N, C-alpha and C. Protein backbone atom coordinates (compact mmCIF):
# COMPACT_ATOMS: atom_id res chain seq x y z
N UNK A 1 53.85 -52.11 -26.15
CA UNK A 1 53.67 -53.55 -25.93
C UNK A 1 52.55 -54.11 -26.81
N UNK A 2 52.60 -55.40 -27.02
CA UNK A 2 51.62 -56.05 -27.89
C UNK A 2 50.19 -55.86 -27.43
N UNK A 3 49.96 -55.89 -26.13
CA UNK A 3 48.59 -55.76 -25.62
C UNK A 3 47.97 -54.39 -25.93
N UNK A 4 48.81 -53.37 -26.16
CA UNK A 4 48.31 -52.02 -26.38
C UNK A 4 48.00 -51.73 -27.85
N UNK A 5 48.40 -52.63 -28.74
CA UNK A 5 48.23 -52.37 -30.17
C UNK A 5 46.77 -52.13 -30.55
N UNK A 6 45.88 -53.04 -30.21
CA UNK A 6 44.48 -52.90 -30.59
C UNK A 6 43.81 -51.68 -29.95
N UNK A 7 43.95 -51.46 -28.64
CA UNK A 7 43.33 -50.25 -28.07
C UNK A 7 43.87 -48.96 -28.69
N UNK A 8 45.15 -48.91 -29.01
CA UNK A 8 45.72 -47.70 -29.60
C UNK A 8 45.26 -47.50 -31.04
N UNK A 9 45.07 -48.59 -31.77
CA UNK A 9 44.53 -48.48 -33.13
C UNK A 9 43.09 -47.96 -33.07
N UNK A 10 42.31 -48.48 -32.13
CA UNK A 10 40.93 -48.00 -31.96
C UNK A 10 40.93 -46.52 -31.57
N UNK A 11 41.80 -46.14 -30.63
CA UNK A 11 41.88 -44.75 -30.20
C UNK A 11 42.31 -43.83 -31.35
N UNK A 12 43.32 -44.24 -32.10
CA UNK A 12 43.78 -43.39 -33.20
C UNK A 12 42.74 -43.31 -34.32
N UNK A 13 42.00 -44.38 -34.53
CA UNK A 13 40.93 -44.35 -35.53
C UNK A 13 39.82 -43.38 -35.11
N UNK A 14 39.44 -43.44 -33.84
CA UNK A 14 38.42 -42.51 -33.33
C UNK A 14 38.89 -41.07 -33.44
N UNK A 15 40.15 -40.81 -33.09
CA UNK A 15 40.70 -39.45 -33.18
C UNK A 15 40.71 -38.98 -34.63
N UNK A 16 41.03 -39.87 -35.55
CA UNK A 16 41.06 -39.53 -36.97
C UNK A 16 39.66 -39.18 -37.48
N UNK A 17 38.67 -39.95 -37.07
CA UNK A 17 37.30 -39.69 -37.50
C UNK A 17 36.83 -38.34 -36.96
N UNK A 18 37.12 -38.06 -35.70
CA UNK A 18 36.72 -36.78 -35.09
C UNK A 18 37.43 -35.62 -35.79
N UNK A 19 38.73 -35.74 -36.02
CA UNK A 19 39.47 -34.67 -36.68
C UNK A 19 38.99 -34.48 -38.11
N UNK A 20 38.71 -35.55 -38.81
CA UNK A 20 38.21 -35.45 -40.18
C UNK A 20 36.87 -34.74 -40.22
N UNK A 21 36.00 -35.05 -39.29
CA UNK A 21 34.70 -34.40 -39.25
C UNK A 21 34.85 -32.91 -38.99
N UNK A 22 35.79 -32.55 -38.13
CA UNK A 22 36.03 -31.13 -37.84
C UNK A 22 36.55 -30.41 -39.09
N UNK A 23 37.43 -31.05 -39.83
CA UNK A 23 37.97 -30.44 -41.05
C UNK A 23 36.87 -30.28 -42.10
N UNK A 24 36.04 -31.30 -42.25
CA UNK A 24 34.97 -31.24 -43.23
C UNK A 24 33.97 -30.14 -42.87
N UNK A 25 33.56 -30.09 -41.61
CA UNK A 25 32.62 -29.05 -41.17
C UNK A 25 33.22 -27.67 -41.36
N UNK A 26 34.50 -27.53 -41.04
CA UNK A 26 35.18 -26.24 -41.22
C UNK A 26 35.26 -25.84 -42.68
N UNK A 27 35.55 -26.80 -43.55
CA UNK A 27 35.62 -26.51 -44.98
C UNK A 27 34.27 -26.07 -45.52
N UNK A 28 33.20 -26.73 -45.08
CA UNK A 28 31.86 -26.34 -45.51
C UNK A 28 31.54 -24.92 -45.04
N UNK A 29 31.84 -24.64 -43.78
CA UNK A 29 31.54 -23.33 -43.21
C UNK A 29 32.34 -22.22 -43.89
N UNK A 30 33.62 -22.45 -44.10
CA UNK A 30 34.47 -21.44 -44.75
C UNK A 30 34.02 -21.23 -46.19
N UNK A 31 33.63 -22.29 -46.86
CA UNK A 31 33.15 -22.16 -48.24
C UNK A 31 31.87 -21.33 -48.28
N UNK A 32 30.95 -21.58 -47.36
CA UNK A 32 29.73 -20.79 -47.31
C UNK A 32 30.06 -19.32 -47.07
N UNK A 33 30.99 -19.04 -46.18
CA UNK A 33 31.36 -17.65 -45.91
C UNK A 33 32.04 -17.02 -47.12
N UNK A 34 32.89 -17.78 -47.82
CA UNK A 34 33.55 -17.25 -49.01
C UNK A 34 32.53 -16.92 -50.09
N UNK A 35 31.51 -17.75 -50.23
CA UNK A 35 30.44 -17.48 -51.20
C UNK A 35 29.71 -16.20 -50.81
N UNK A 36 29.37 -16.07 -49.53
CA UNK A 36 28.63 -14.89 -49.07
C UNK A 36 29.45 -13.62 -49.24
N UNK A 37 30.77 -13.69 -49.11
CA UNK A 37 31.63 -12.52 -49.24
C UNK A 37 32.04 -12.25 -50.68
N UNK A 38 31.62 -13.12 -51.61
CA UNK A 38 31.93 -12.91 -53.02
C UNK A 38 33.29 -13.44 -53.44
N UNK A 39 33.91 -14.30 -52.63
CA UNK A 39 35.22 -14.85 -52.97
C UNK A 39 35.14 -16.20 -53.68
N UNK A 40 33.97 -16.76 -53.79
CA UNK A 40 33.81 -18.07 -54.43
C UNK A 40 32.50 -18.09 -55.20
N UNK A 41 32.43 -18.93 -56.22
CA UNK A 41 31.17 -19.02 -56.98
C UNK A 41 30.07 -19.65 -56.13
N UNK A 42 28.85 -19.40 -56.52
CA UNK A 42 27.72 -19.99 -55.81
C UNK A 42 27.75 -21.49 -55.99
N UNK A 43 27.55 -22.20 -54.90
CA UNK A 43 27.47 -23.65 -54.90
C UNK A 43 26.19 -24.05 -54.17
N UNK A 44 25.74 -25.25 -54.45
CA UNK A 44 24.58 -25.76 -53.71
C UNK A 44 24.98 -25.99 -52.26
N UNK A 45 24.21 -25.42 -51.36
CA UNK A 45 24.42 -25.62 -49.92
C UNK A 45 23.14 -26.20 -49.35
N UNK A 46 23.27 -27.38 -48.76
CA UNK A 46 22.10 -28.03 -48.16
C UNK A 46 22.15 -27.85 -46.65
N UNK A 47 21.05 -27.42 -46.09
CA UNK A 47 20.94 -27.29 -44.63
C UNK A 47 20.44 -28.62 -44.09
N UNK A 48 21.21 -29.23 -43.21
CA UNK A 48 20.91 -30.58 -42.76
C UNK A 48 20.12 -30.62 -41.47
N UNK A 49 19.84 -29.48 -40.89
CA UNK A 49 19.07 -29.44 -39.66
C UNK A 49 18.05 -28.31 -39.73
N UNK A 50 16.85 -28.58 -39.25
CA UNK A 50 15.83 -27.55 -39.22
C UNK A 50 16.03 -26.60 -38.05
N UNK A 51 16.77 -27.03 -37.03
CA UNK A 51 16.94 -26.22 -35.83
C UNK A 51 18.31 -25.56 -35.72
N UNK A 52 19.34 -26.16 -36.30
CA UNK A 52 20.70 -25.64 -36.20
C UNK A 52 21.08 -24.94 -37.50
N UNK A 53 21.38 -23.64 -37.42
CA UNK A 53 21.67 -22.86 -38.61
C UNK A 53 22.97 -23.30 -39.28
N UNK A 54 23.99 -23.61 -38.51
CA UNK A 54 25.30 -23.90 -39.06
C UNK A 54 25.50 -25.30 -39.61
N UNK A 55 24.50 -26.14 -39.51
CA UNK A 55 24.63 -27.51 -39.99
C UNK A 55 24.38 -27.53 -41.50
N UNK A 56 25.47 -27.54 -42.28
CA UNK A 56 25.33 -27.48 -43.73
C UNK A 56 26.14 -28.60 -44.39
N UNK A 57 25.79 -28.85 -45.65
CA UNK A 57 26.49 -29.83 -46.47
C UNK A 57 26.66 -29.20 -47.85
N UNK A 58 27.87 -29.25 -48.38
CA UNK A 58 28.17 -28.70 -49.70
C UNK A 58 28.62 -29.87 -50.58
N UNK A 59 27.70 -30.46 -51.35
CA UNK A 59 28.02 -31.66 -52.12
C UNK A 59 29.24 -31.51 -53.04
N UNK A 60 29.34 -30.42 -53.78
CA UNK A 60 30.46 -30.25 -54.71
C UNK A 60 31.79 -30.21 -53.96
N UNK A 61 31.83 -29.54 -52.84
CA UNK A 61 33.05 -29.47 -52.05
C UNK A 61 33.39 -30.83 -51.45
N UNK A 62 32.38 -31.57 -51.05
CA UNK A 62 32.60 -32.89 -50.48
C UNK A 62 33.30 -33.81 -51.50
N UNK A 63 32.80 -33.80 -52.73
CA UNK A 63 33.41 -34.61 -53.79
C UNK A 63 34.80 -34.11 -54.14
N UNK A 64 34.98 -32.80 -54.18
CA UNK A 64 36.30 -32.23 -54.47
C UNK A 64 37.32 -32.65 -53.40
N UNK A 65 36.91 -32.61 -52.14
CA UNK A 65 37.82 -33.03 -51.07
C UNK A 65 38.15 -34.51 -51.17
N UNK A 66 37.17 -35.34 -51.51
CA UNK A 66 37.43 -36.77 -51.67
C UNK A 66 38.48 -37.01 -52.74
N UNK A 67 38.28 -36.42 -53.89
CA UNK A 67 39.23 -36.60 -55.00
C UNK A 67 40.62 -36.07 -54.62
N UNK A 68 40.66 -34.90 -54.01
CA UNK A 68 41.95 -34.30 -53.63
C UNK A 68 42.68 -35.16 -52.59
N UNK A 69 41.96 -35.68 -51.63
CA UNK A 69 42.61 -36.49 -50.59
C UNK A 69 43.11 -37.80 -51.15
N UNK A 70 42.33 -38.44 -52.02
CA UNK A 70 42.79 -39.69 -52.63
C UNK A 70 44.06 -39.44 -53.46
N UNK A 71 44.05 -38.37 -54.26
CA UNK A 71 45.24 -38.04 -55.05
C UNK A 71 46.43 -37.69 -54.16
N UNK A 72 46.17 -36.99 -53.08
CA UNK A 72 47.22 -36.61 -52.15
C UNK A 72 47.87 -37.84 -51.52
N UNK A 73 47.06 -38.75 -51.03
CA UNK A 73 47.59 -39.96 -50.39
C UNK A 73 48.35 -40.81 -51.40
N UNK A 74 47.80 -40.94 -52.61
CA UNK A 74 48.49 -41.74 -53.63
C UNK A 74 49.80 -41.11 -54.06
N UNK A 75 49.86 -39.79 -54.11
CA UNK A 75 51.10 -39.14 -54.56
C UNK A 75 52.16 -39.07 -53.46
N UNK A 76 51.75 -38.92 -52.22
CA UNK A 76 52.74 -38.84 -51.14
C UNK A 76 53.30 -40.21 -50.76
N UNK A 77 52.48 -41.23 -50.78
CA UNK A 77 52.86 -42.63 -50.58
C UNK A 77 53.34 -42.99 -49.18
N UNK A 78 53.98 -42.09 -48.46
CA UNK A 78 54.48 -42.43 -47.12
C UNK A 78 53.93 -41.46 -46.10
N UNK A 79 53.80 -41.96 -44.88
CA UNK A 79 53.29 -41.10 -43.82
C UNK A 79 54.32 -40.03 -43.43
N UNK A 80 55.60 -40.27 -43.67
CA UNK A 80 56.61 -39.26 -43.34
C UNK A 80 56.48 -38.04 -44.27
N UNK A 81 56.15 -38.27 -45.53
CA UNK A 81 55.93 -37.14 -46.44
C UNK A 81 54.69 -36.36 -46.04
N UNK A 82 53.64 -37.09 -45.65
CA UNK A 82 52.43 -36.42 -45.19
C UNK A 82 52.71 -35.66 -43.89
N UNK A 83 53.55 -36.21 -43.04
CA UNK A 83 53.89 -35.54 -41.78
C UNK A 83 54.64 -34.24 -42.05
N UNK A 84 55.48 -34.23 -43.08
CA UNK A 84 56.20 -33.00 -43.43
C UNK A 84 55.21 -31.93 -43.89
N UNK A 85 54.23 -32.34 -44.70
CA UNK A 85 53.20 -31.39 -45.15
C UNK A 85 52.37 -30.91 -43.97
N UNK A 86 52.05 -31.81 -43.07
CA UNK A 86 51.24 -31.47 -41.91
C UNK A 86 51.97 -30.47 -41.01
N UNK A 87 53.26 -30.68 -40.80
CA UNK A 87 54.05 -29.78 -39.94
C UNK A 87 54.06 -28.35 -40.48
N UNK A 88 54.29 -28.21 -41.77
CA UNK A 88 54.28 -26.88 -42.39
C UNK A 88 52.89 -26.26 -42.30
N UNK A 89 51.86 -27.06 -42.58
CA UNK A 89 50.49 -26.55 -42.56
C UNK A 89 50.10 -26.07 -41.17
N UNK A 90 50.37 -26.85 -40.16
CA UNK A 90 49.95 -26.50 -38.80
C UNK A 90 50.72 -25.30 -38.28
N UNK A 91 52.03 -25.31 -38.43
CA UNK A 91 52.81 -24.19 -37.90
C UNK A 91 52.56 -22.92 -38.69
N UNK A 92 52.34 -23.05 -39.99
CA UNK A 92 52.00 -21.88 -40.81
C UNK A 92 50.65 -21.31 -40.41
N UNK A 93 49.69 -22.18 -40.14
CA UNK A 93 48.37 -21.72 -39.70
C UNK A 93 48.46 -21.01 -38.36
N UNK A 94 49.24 -21.56 -37.44
CA UNK A 94 49.39 -20.92 -36.13
C UNK A 94 50.01 -19.53 -36.28
N UNK A 95 51.03 -19.41 -37.10
CA UNK A 95 51.70 -18.13 -37.31
C UNK A 95 50.75 -17.11 -37.94
N UNK A 96 50.08 -17.50 -39.00
CA UNK A 96 49.17 -16.59 -39.70
C UNK A 96 48.01 -16.18 -38.78
N UNK A 97 47.50 -17.12 -38.00
CA UNK A 97 46.40 -16.80 -37.08
C UNK A 97 46.82 -15.74 -36.08
N UNK A 98 48.02 -15.86 -35.53
CA UNK A 98 48.48 -14.85 -34.57
C UNK A 98 48.66 -13.48 -35.22
N UNK A 99 49.24 -13.46 -36.40
CA UNK A 99 49.43 -12.19 -37.10
C UNK A 99 48.09 -11.54 -37.42
N UNK A 100 47.14 -12.34 -37.92
CA UNK A 100 45.82 -11.80 -38.26
C UNK A 100 45.04 -11.36 -37.02
N UNK A 101 45.18 -12.10 -35.92
CA UNK A 101 44.51 -11.69 -34.68
C UNK A 101 45.03 -10.33 -34.22
N UNK A 102 46.33 -10.13 -34.32
CA UNK A 102 46.91 -8.83 -33.95
C UNK A 102 46.39 -7.74 -34.89
N UNK A 103 46.31 -8.04 -36.18
CA UNK A 103 45.82 -7.06 -37.14
C UNK A 103 44.37 -6.68 -36.85
N UNK A 104 43.54 -7.65 -36.52
CA UNK A 104 42.14 -7.38 -36.19
C UNK A 104 42.06 -6.52 -34.93
N UNK A 105 42.86 -6.86 -33.93
CA UNK A 105 42.83 -6.09 -32.67
C UNK A 105 43.23 -4.63 -32.91
N UNK A 106 44.19 -4.42 -33.80
CA UNK A 106 44.66 -3.05 -34.06
C UNK A 106 43.72 -2.30 -34.98
N UNK A 107 43.35 -2.91 -36.10
CA UNK A 107 42.58 -2.20 -37.13
C UNK A 107 41.08 -2.14 -36.86
N UNK A 108 40.49 -3.24 -36.45
CA UNK A 108 39.04 -3.26 -36.27
C UNK A 108 38.63 -2.87 -34.85
N UNK A 109 39.31 -3.41 -33.87
CA UNK A 109 38.92 -3.16 -32.49
C UNK A 109 39.57 -1.90 -31.93
N UNK A 110 40.52 -1.33 -32.70
CA UNK A 110 41.20 -0.08 -32.30
C UNK A 110 41.92 -0.19 -30.96
N UNK A 111 42.46 -1.38 -30.67
CA UNK A 111 43.23 -1.54 -29.45
C UNK A 111 44.57 -0.83 -29.61
N UNK A 112 45.20 -0.55 -28.50
CA UNK A 112 46.50 0.10 -28.49
C UNK A 112 47.52 -0.76 -29.23
N UNK A 113 48.12 -0.16 -30.28
CA UNK A 113 49.05 -0.90 -31.13
C UNK A 113 50.23 -1.48 -30.34
N UNK A 114 50.80 -0.68 -29.46
CA UNK A 114 51.95 -1.15 -28.68
C UNK A 114 51.60 -2.33 -27.78
N UNK A 115 50.45 -2.25 -27.13
CA UNK A 115 50.05 -3.34 -26.24
C UNK A 115 49.74 -4.62 -27.02
N UNK A 116 49.09 -4.45 -28.16
CA UNK A 116 48.78 -5.61 -29.00
C UNK A 116 50.07 -6.28 -29.47
N UNK A 117 50.99 -5.48 -29.97
CA UNK A 117 52.26 -6.04 -30.45
C UNK A 117 53.05 -6.67 -29.31
N UNK A 118 53.01 -6.07 -28.14
CA UNK A 118 53.70 -6.62 -26.97
C UNK A 118 53.09 -7.97 -26.58
N UNK A 119 51.77 -8.06 -26.65
CA UNK A 119 51.11 -9.31 -26.31
C UNK A 119 51.27 -10.39 -27.38
N UNK A 120 51.28 -9.97 -28.63
CA UNK A 120 51.36 -10.94 -29.73
C UNK A 120 52.79 -11.41 -30.00
N UNK A 121 53.74 -10.56 -29.72
CA UNK A 121 55.14 -10.85 -30.06
C UNK A 121 55.65 -12.20 -29.52
N UNK A 122 55.43 -12.53 -28.26
CA UNK A 122 55.93 -13.84 -27.79
C UNK A 122 55.33 -15.01 -28.57
N UNK A 123 54.02 -14.93 -28.86
CA UNK A 123 53.37 -16.02 -29.60
C UNK A 123 53.88 -16.08 -31.04
N UNK A 124 54.04 -14.93 -31.66
CA UNK A 124 54.56 -14.89 -33.04
C UNK A 124 55.98 -15.44 -33.08
N UNK A 125 56.80 -15.10 -32.10
CA UNK A 125 58.18 -15.62 -32.06
C UNK A 125 58.20 -17.13 -31.91
N UNK A 126 57.37 -17.66 -31.03
CA UNK A 126 57.31 -19.12 -30.84
C UNK A 126 56.81 -19.79 -32.11
N UNK A 127 55.72 -19.25 -32.69
CA UNK A 127 55.18 -19.85 -33.91
C UNK A 127 56.17 -19.75 -35.07
N UNK A 128 56.87 -18.62 -35.16
CA UNK A 128 57.87 -18.45 -36.21
C UNK A 128 59.00 -19.46 -36.04
N UNK A 129 59.41 -19.70 -34.80
CA UNK A 129 60.47 -20.69 -34.54
C UNK A 129 60.03 -22.08 -34.99
N UNK A 130 58.78 -22.45 -34.64
CA UNK A 130 58.26 -23.75 -35.08
C UNK A 130 58.17 -23.83 -36.60
N UNK A 131 57.70 -22.77 -37.22
CA UNK A 131 57.57 -22.76 -38.68
C UNK A 131 58.94 -22.88 -39.34
N UNK A 132 59.89 -22.09 -38.87
CA UNK A 132 61.24 -22.14 -39.45
C UNK A 132 61.88 -23.51 -39.24
N UNK A 133 61.61 -24.13 -38.10
CA UNK A 133 62.14 -25.47 -37.87
C UNK A 133 61.57 -26.47 -38.86
N UNK A 134 60.35 -26.23 -39.31
CA UNK A 134 59.72 -27.14 -40.27
C UNK A 134 60.10 -26.86 -41.71
N UNK A 135 60.73 -25.72 -41.98
CA UNK A 135 61.07 -25.41 -43.37
C UNK A 135 62.06 -26.39 -43.97
N UNK A 136 62.80 -27.11 -43.14
CA UNK A 136 63.71 -28.12 -43.67
C UNK A 136 62.93 -29.27 -44.32
N UNK A 137 61.64 -29.35 -44.04
CA UNK A 137 60.81 -30.42 -44.59
C UNK A 137 60.11 -30.03 -45.89
N UNK A 138 60.37 -28.83 -46.38
CA UNK A 138 59.68 -28.37 -47.58
C UNK A 138 59.91 -29.31 -48.76
N UNK A 139 61.13 -29.73 -48.96
CA UNK A 139 61.44 -30.62 -50.09
C UNK A 139 60.83 -32.01 -49.92
N UNK A 140 60.56 -32.41 -48.68
CA UNK A 140 60.05 -33.76 -48.41
C UNK A 140 58.53 -33.84 -48.34
N UNK A 141 57.83 -32.82 -48.81
CA UNK A 141 56.38 -32.83 -48.80
C UNK A 141 55.79 -31.56 -48.22
N UNK A 142 56.60 -30.77 -47.54
CA UNK A 142 56.11 -29.52 -46.97
C UNK A 142 55.75 -28.49 -48.01
N UNK A 143 56.16 -28.69 -49.25
CA UNK A 143 55.82 -27.77 -50.33
C UNK A 143 54.32 -27.78 -50.61
N UNK A 144 53.66 -28.92 -50.34
CA UNK A 144 52.26 -29.04 -50.73
C UNK A 144 51.35 -28.00 -50.07
N UNK A 145 51.36 -27.84 -48.74
CA UNK A 145 50.46 -26.83 -48.17
C UNK A 145 50.79 -25.42 -48.62
N UNK A 146 52.06 -25.14 -48.92
CA UNK A 146 52.43 -23.81 -49.41
C UNK A 146 51.86 -23.57 -50.80
N UNK A 147 51.99 -24.55 -51.68
CA UNK A 147 51.46 -24.43 -53.04
C UNK A 147 49.93 -24.42 -53.00
N UNK A 148 49.35 -25.29 -52.19
CA UNK A 148 47.90 -25.35 -52.07
C UNK A 148 47.35 -24.02 -51.57
N UNK A 149 47.96 -23.46 -50.56
CA UNK A 149 47.53 -22.16 -50.03
C UNK A 149 47.64 -21.07 -51.07
N UNK A 150 48.72 -21.08 -51.85
CA UNK A 150 48.89 -20.08 -52.90
C UNK A 150 47.83 -20.23 -53.98
N UNK A 151 47.51 -21.47 -54.36
CA UNK A 151 46.48 -21.71 -55.37
C UNK A 151 45.12 -21.24 -54.87
N UNK A 152 44.77 -21.59 -53.64
CA UNK A 152 43.48 -21.17 -53.08
C UNK A 152 43.41 -19.66 -52.99
N UNK A 153 44.47 -19.02 -52.51
CA UNK A 153 44.51 -17.56 -52.43
C UNK A 153 44.33 -16.94 -53.81
N UNK A 154 45.00 -17.47 -54.81
CA UNK A 154 44.91 -16.94 -56.16
C UNK A 154 43.50 -17.09 -56.72
N UNK A 155 42.89 -18.26 -56.53
CA UNK A 155 41.54 -18.48 -57.03
C UNK A 155 40.54 -17.54 -56.34
N UNK A 156 40.63 -17.43 -55.01
CA UNK A 156 39.68 -16.59 -54.28
C UNK A 156 39.82 -15.11 -54.64
N UNK A 157 41.05 -14.63 -54.70
CA UNK A 157 41.24 -13.22 -55.02
C UNK A 157 40.93 -12.92 -56.48
N UNK A 158 41.20 -13.86 -57.37
CA UNK A 158 40.85 -13.68 -58.78
C UNK A 158 39.34 -13.63 -58.95
N UNK A 159 38.62 -14.53 -58.27
CA UNK A 159 37.16 -14.53 -58.34
C UNK A 159 36.60 -13.21 -57.81
N UNK A 160 37.13 -12.76 -56.67
CA UNK A 160 36.65 -11.50 -56.07
C UNK A 160 36.91 -10.33 -57.01
N UNK A 161 38.11 -10.25 -57.57
CA UNK A 161 38.45 -9.15 -58.47
C UNK A 161 37.60 -9.21 -59.74
N UNK A 162 37.37 -10.40 -60.26
CA UNK A 162 36.53 -10.56 -61.44
C UNK A 162 35.11 -10.09 -61.20
N UNK A 163 34.57 -10.39 -60.03
CA UNK A 163 33.22 -9.93 -59.68
C UNK A 163 33.18 -8.41 -59.57
N UNK A 164 34.24 -7.82 -58.99
CA UNK A 164 34.30 -6.36 -58.89
C UNK A 164 34.34 -5.72 -60.28
N UNK A 165 35.16 -6.27 -61.18
CA UNK A 165 35.23 -5.75 -62.54
C UNK A 165 33.90 -5.90 -63.26
N UNK A 166 33.25 -7.03 -63.10
CA UNK A 166 31.95 -7.26 -63.73
C UNK A 166 30.92 -6.28 -63.19
N UNK A 167 30.92 -6.08 -61.88
CA UNK A 167 29.98 -5.13 -61.26
C UNK A 167 30.21 -3.72 -61.80
N UNK A 168 31.47 -3.31 -61.89
CA UNK A 168 31.79 -1.98 -62.42
C UNK A 168 31.34 -1.85 -63.88
N UNK A 169 31.60 -2.89 -64.65
CA UNK A 169 31.21 -2.87 -66.06
C UNK A 169 29.71 -2.81 -66.24
N UNK A 170 28.99 -3.59 -65.43
CA UNK A 170 27.54 -3.58 -65.54
C UNK A 170 26.95 -2.24 -65.11
N UNK A 171 27.56 -1.60 -64.12
CA UNK A 171 27.11 -0.27 -63.71
C UNK A 171 27.34 0.76 -64.80
N UNK A 172 28.52 0.70 -65.43
CA UNK A 172 28.82 1.68 -66.48
C UNK A 172 27.95 1.44 -67.72
N UNK A 173 27.61 0.19 -68.02
CA UNK A 173 26.74 -0.11 -69.16
C UNK A 173 25.31 0.35 -68.92
N UNK A 174 24.87 0.35 -67.66
CA UNK A 174 23.48 0.71 -67.38
C UNK A 174 23.28 2.23 -67.33
N UNK A 175 24.35 2.98 -67.30
CA UNK A 175 24.24 4.45 -67.22
C UNK A 175 24.01 5.05 -68.56
């Protein structure tokens, strides 16, 4: 109804701001961890709080995200194309998270493989069903998170492998 338009716009705007802040904070945190693990080059990281360790700001990443989002919105042009990308991204993330959680439980925590698989299987099946249902949207914009994920994976693993090769070379040169 007409009376609900303004309150719903305010509510959706607030939800968007909250979700955006969560994505930005997550991107900063993951970038810091990737740098510490040797998967990304060193970047300037500013600590924004004297009392909270996790409160960080990564200026280069902030600008990169701004440029990427503006280009993304301009290239997709419609919210339905963005929704297709979002559906693939969310369901793919859910599926990968469940598979990785099972792998951690089995390999790192040494939990019983059969019990872990028995517990994870229903969630993996549900997530796989959602993901497969979204694959029809790949041509309509769902390709973007798949390509983006592949590019990020390639950059991170290439950086890590390059650092390993450099470390090996520097060790052999110093002997």
